[in-house]
C-alpha atoms as a PDB file:
ATOM      1  CA  MET A   1     202.393 166.902  39.876  1.00  0.00           C
ATOM      2  CA  SER A   2     198.979 166.605  41.505  1.00  0.00           C
ATOM      3  CA  GLN A   3     198.263 164.302  44.390  1.00  0.00           C
ATOM      4  CA  PRO A   4     195.546 161.657  43.955  1.00  0.00           C
ATOM      5  CA  VAL A   5     192.304 162.680  45.600  1.00  0.00           C
ATOM      6  CA  GLN A   6     191.567 160.719  48.777  1.00  0.00           C
ATOM      7  CA  PRO A   7     188.839 161.320  51.341  1.00  0.00           C
ATOM      8  CA  ALA A   8     189.956 162.031  54.906  1.00  0.00           C
ATOM      9  CA  ASN A   9     189.806 159.137  57.393  1.00  0.00           C
ATOM     10  CA  GLU A  10     186.945 160.882  59.185  1.00  0.00           C
ATOM     11  CA  GLN A  11     184.840 160.575  56.027  1.00  0.00           C
ATOM     12  CA  PHE A  12     185.315 156.800  56.022  1.00  0.00           C
ATOM     13  CA  LEU A  13     184.334 156.494  59.659  1.00  0.00           C
ATOM     14  CA  THR A  14     181.284 158.743  59.387  1.00  0.00           C
ATOM     15  CA  ALA A  15     180.107 157.218  56.113  1.00  0.00           C
ATOM     16  CA  THR A  16     179.542 153.771  57.601  1.00  0.00           C
ATOM     17  CA  LEU A  17     176.007 152.536  57.204  1.00  0.00           C
ATOM     18  CA  ASP A  18     173.874 152.002  60.286  1.00  0.00           C
ATOM     19  CA  ASN A  19     172.656 148.603  59.126  1.00  0.00           C
ATOM     20  CA  ASP A  20     174.234 145.581  60.687  1.00  0.00           C
ATOM     21  CA  LEU A  21     174.878 142.478  58.623  1.00  0.00           C
ATOM     22  CA  GLN A  22     172.554 140.106  60.484  1.00  0.00           C
ATOM     23  CA  ALA A  23     169.720 142.641  60.512  1.00  0.00           C
ATOM     24  CA  THR A  24     170.144 143.113  56.756  1.00  0.00           C
ATOM     25  CA  LEU A  25     170.094 139.359  56.124  1.00  0.00           C
ATOM     26  CA  THR A  26     166.952 139.041  58.237  1.00  0.00           C
ATOM     27  CA  LEU A  27     165.294 141.898  56.368  1.00  0.00           C
ATOM     28  CA  PHE A  28     165.927 140.196  53.036  1.00  0.00           C
ATOM     29  CA  GLU A  29     164.889 136.759  54.325  1.00  0.00           C
ATOM     30  CA  GLN A  30     161.571 138.229  55.418  1.00  0.00           C
ATOM     31  CA  ALA A  31     160.978 139.801  52.012  1.00  0.00           C
ATOM     32  CA  GLY A  32     158.455 137.482  50.396  1.00  0.00           C
ATOM     33  CA  ASN A  33     159.371 138.068  46.771  1.00  0.00           C
ATOM     34  CA  TRP A  34     161.725 139.753  44.358  1.00  0.00           C
ATOM     35  CA  GLN A  35     159.675 142.991  44.339  1.00  0.00           C
ATOM     36  CA  GLU A  36     160.116 143.395  48.096  1.00  0.00           C
ATOM     37  CA  ARG A  37     163.844 142.636  47.885  1.00  0.00           C
ATOM     38  CA  TYR A  38     164.197 145.148  45.046  1.00  0.00           C
ATOM     39  CA  ARG A  39     162.439 147.752  47.202  1.00  0.00           C
ATOM     40  CA  GLN A  40     164.859 147.031  50.067  1.00  0.00           C
ATOM     41  CA  ILE A  41     167.821 147.459  47.704  1.00  0.00           C
ATOM     42  CA  MET A  42     166.475 150.819  46.567  1.00  0.00           C
ATOM     43  CA  LEU A  43     165.898 151.942  50.179  1.00  0.00           C
ATOM     44  CA  LEU A  44     169.451 150.940  51.128  1.00  0.00           C
ATOM     45  CA  GLY A  45     170.757 152.915  48.158  1.00  0.00           C
ATOM     46  CA  LYS A  46     169.100 156.027  49.556  1.00  0.00           C
ATOM     47  CA  THR A  47     171.047 155.592  52.820  1.00  0.00           C
ATOM     48  CA  LEU A  48     174.390 155.553  51.012  1.00  0.00           C
ATOM     49  CA  PRO A  49     175.987 159.004  51.324  1.00  0.00           C
ATOM     50  CA  LYS A  50     176.489 160.790  48.004  1.00  0.00           C
ATOM     51  CA  LEU A  51     180.109 161.009  46.965  1.00  0.00           C
ATOM     52  CA  ASP A  52     181.462 164.555  46.621  1.00  0.00           C
ATOM     53  CA  GLU A  53     181.774 165.598  42.991  1.00  0.00           C
ATOM     54  CA  GLN A  54     185.562 166.086  43.255  1.00  0.00           C
ATOM     55  CA  LEU A  55     185.860 162.391  44.245  1.00  0.00           C
ATOM     56  CA  ARG A  56     184.027 161.145  41.144  1.00  0.00           C
ATOM     57  CA  ILE A  57     187.220 160.741  39.188  1.00  0.00           C
ATOM     58  CA  GLU A  58     188.290 158.154  36.665  1.00  0.00           C
ATOM     59  CA  SER A  59     191.039 156.659  38.824  1.00  0.00           C
ATOM     60  CA  ALA A  60     188.440 155.734  41.476  1.00  0.00           C
ATOM     61  CA  GLN A  61     186.019 154.132  39.025  1.00  0.00           C
ATOM     62  CA  VAL A  62     185.434 150.409  39.325  1.00  0.00           C
ATOM     63  CA  ARG A  63     186.245 148.652  36.067  1.00  0.00           C
ATOM     64  CA  GLY A  64     183.678 146.096  34.956  1.00  0.00           C
ATOM     65  CA  CYS A  65     180.618 148.046  36.100  1.00  0.00           C
ATOM     66  CA  GLU A  66     178.210 149.017  33.359  1.00  0.00           C
ATOM     67  CA  SER A  67     177.104 152.022  35.426  1.00  0.00           C
ATOM     68  CA  ASN A  68     179.546 154.530  36.833  1.00  0.00           C
ATOM     69  CA  ALA A  69     180.696 153.384  40.253  1.00  0.00           C
ATOM     70  CA  TRP A  70     183.467 154.845  42.399  1.00  0.00           C
ATOM     71  CA  LEU A  71     185.270 153.171  45.289  1.00  0.00           C
ATOM     72  CA  TYR A  72     187.660 154.509  47.920  1.00  0.00           C
ATOM     73  CA  HIS A  73     189.425 152.529  50.628  1.00  0.00           C
ATOM     74  CA  ALA A  74     191.191 153.345  53.876  1.00  0.00           C
ATOM     75  CA  GLU A  75     192.749 151.083  56.454  1.00  0.00           C
ATOM     76  CA  ILE A  76     192.257 152.546  59.917  1.00  0.00           C
ATOM     77  CA  ASP A  77     193.579 150.754  63.012  1.00  0.00           C
ATOM     78  CA  GLY A  78     193.847 147.472  61.102  1.00  0.00           C
ATOM     79  CA  LEU A  79     190.256 147.590  59.811  1.00  0.00           C
ATOM     80  CA  HIS A  80     189.142 148.343  56.274  1.00  0.00           C
ATOM     81  CA  TYR A  81     186.618 151.043  55.414  1.00  0.00           C
ATOM     82  CA  PHE A  82     185.114 151.933  52.071  1.00  0.00           C
ATOM     83  CA  ILE A  83     183.284 154.835  50.537  1.00  0.00           C
ATOM     84  CA  ALA A  84     181.497 154.125  47.293  1.00  0.00           C
ATOM     85  CA  ASP A  85     178.813 155.579  45.081  1.00  0.00           C
ATOM     86  CA  SER A  86     177.132 155.088  41.729  1.00  0.00           C
ATOM     87  CA  ASP A  87     175.025 157.139  39.395  1.00  0.00           C
ATOM     88  CA  ALA A  88     172.505 154.253  39.123  1.00  0.00           C
ATOM     89  CA  ARG A  89     169.994 153.831  41.965  1.00  0.00           C
ATOM     90  CA  ILE A  90     169.937 150.022  41.971  1.00  0.00           C
ATOM     91  CA  VAL A  91     173.741 149.904  41.915  1.00  0.00           C
ATOM     92  CA  LYS A  92     173.865 152.273  44.919  1.00  0.00           C
ATOM     93  CA  GLY A  93     171.707 149.794  46.828  1.00  0.00           C
ATOM     94  CA  LEU A  94     173.879 146.860  45.819  1.00  0.00           C
ATOM     95  CA  ILE A  95     176.972 148.825  46.833  1.00  0.00           C
ATOM     96  CA  ALA A  96     175.346 149.501  50.203  1.00  0.00           C
ATOM     97  CA  LEU A  97     174.874 145.747  50.669  1.00  0.00           C
ATOM     98  CA  LEU A  98     178.560 145.123  49.955  1.00  0.00           C
ATOM     99  CA  LEU A  99     179.629 147.890  52.320  1.00  0.00           C
ATOM    100  CA  ILE A 100     177.406 146.509  55.088  1.00  0.00           C
ATOM    101  CA  ALA A 101     179.190 143.169  54.645  1.00  0.00           C
ATOM    102  CA  CYS A 102     182.748 144.532  54.376  1.00  0.00           C
ATOM    103  CA  ASN A 103     183.124 147.860  56.205  1.00  0.00           C
ATOM    104  CA  GLY A 104     185.059 147.738  59.445  1.00  0.00           C
ATOM    105  CA  LYS A 105     186.417 144.244  58.799  1.00  0.00           C
ATOM    106  CA  THR A 106     189.929 142.822  58.943  1.00  0.00           C
ATOM    107  CA  SER A 107     191.869 141.694  55.887  1.00  0.00           C
ATOM    108  CA  ALA A 108     191.206 138.061  56.842  1.00  0.00           C
ATOM    109  CA  GLU A 109     187.444 138.629  57.141  1.00  0.00           C
ATOM    110  CA  ILE A 110     187.300 140.351  53.764  1.00  0.00           C
ATOM    111  CA  SER A 111     189.402 137.672  52.055  1.00  0.00           C
ATOM    112  CA  GLU A 112     186.969 135.030  53.379  1.00  0.00           C
ATOM    113  CA  PHE A 113     183.945 136.989  52.129  1.00  0.00           C
ATOM    114  CA  GLU A 114     182.186 135.137  49.312  1.00  0.00           C
ATOM    115  CA  PRO A 115     180.006 137.592  47.364  1.00  0.00           C
ATOM    116  CA  ASN A 116     178.081 134.860  45.506  1.00  0.00           C
ATOM    117  CA  GLU A 117     177.135 133.166  48.798  1.00  0.00           C
ATOM    118  CA  PHE A 118     176.203 136.519  50.322  1.00  0.00           C
ATOM    119  CA  PHE A 119     173.876 137.441  47.465  1.00  0.00           C
ATOM    120  CA  ALA A 120     172.373 133.941  47.472  1.00  0.00           C
ATOM    121  CA  LYS A 121     171.572 134.363  51.204  1.00  0.00           C
ATOM    122  CA  LEU A 122     169.894 137.661  50.355  1.00  0.00           C
ATOM    123  CA  GLY A 123     167.745 135.913  47.744  1.00  0.00           C
ATOM    124  CA  LEU A 124     169.308 137.884  44.903  1.00  0.00           C
ATOM    125  CA  ALA A 125     171.052 135.040  43.061  1.00  0.00           C
ATOM    126  CA  GLY A 126     169.552 134.700  39.616  1.00  0.00           C
ATOM    127  CA  GLN A 127     167.477 137.871  40.054  1.00  0.00           C
ATOM    128  CA  LEU A 128     170.036 140.328  38.725  1.00  0.00           C
ATOM    129  CA  SER A 129     170.891 140.715  35.056  1.00  0.00           C
ATOM    130  CA  PRO A 130     174.223 139.200  33.941  1.00  0.00           C
ATOM    131  CA  SER A 131     175.720 142.667  33.418  1.00  0.00           C
ATOM    132  CA  ARG A 132     174.563 143.796  36.889  1.00  0.00           C
ATOM    133  CA  THR A 133     175.982 140.596  38.426  1.00  0.00           C
ATOM    134  CA  ASN A 134     179.317 141.120  36.636  1.00  0.00           C
ATOM    135  CA  GLY A 135     179.508 144.700  37.868  1.00  0.00           C
ATOM    136  CA  LEU A 136     178.696 143.635  41.404  1.00  0.00           C
ATOM    137  CA  LEU A 137     181.405 140.972  41.323  1.00  0.00           C
ATOM    138  CA  ALA A 138     183.847 143.557  39.923  1.00  0.00           C
ATOM    139  CA  LEU A 139     183.080 145.791  42.893  1.00  0.00           C
ATOM    140  CA  ALA A 140     183.418 142.896  45.370  1.00  0.00           C
ATOM    141  CA  ASN A 141     186.735 141.914  43.778  1.00  0.00           C
ATOM    142  CA  ALA A 142     187.959 145.519  44.000  1.00  0.00           C
ATOM    143  CA  ILE A 143     187.114 145.514  47.711  1.00  0.00           C
ATOM    144  CA  LYS A 144     188.931 142.215  48.231  1.00  0.00           C
ATOM    145  CA  ALA A 145     191.948 143.382  46.203  1.00  0.00           C
ATOM    146  CA  VAL A 146     192.662 146.407  48.389  1.00  0.00           C
ATOM    147  CA  ALA A 147     192.109 144.569  51.674  1.00  0.00           C
END
């Protein structure tokens, strides 16, 4: 019987994004329009480390995402860390936003996280297609479920 594939704890700790939450919020607040916010999402997606091919397995896929998206979780010293990726560039950027908000947080902090409020603060509410919004909420719910 094969063991489920799981990245090593070091991968979770080294995969954390350099962006801090307040700096990210400020960056999006300063973006004057949807085009600038979209550009920021795409740039954040480029900072998200690519998931190794052997980790792109069905059991790690997030259900409810139209695009392929994979999510891994580890709890290290009472804090939650995530590694995630997608084959769609915009989704990678949206994943990066979620990871900036949730990586290195406690269970209580993640359970209090409200994805709709977060994306409204970023100026993204109403800008994403319904299918993209549903996928994003599926990813946020997957993060909350494991924390």
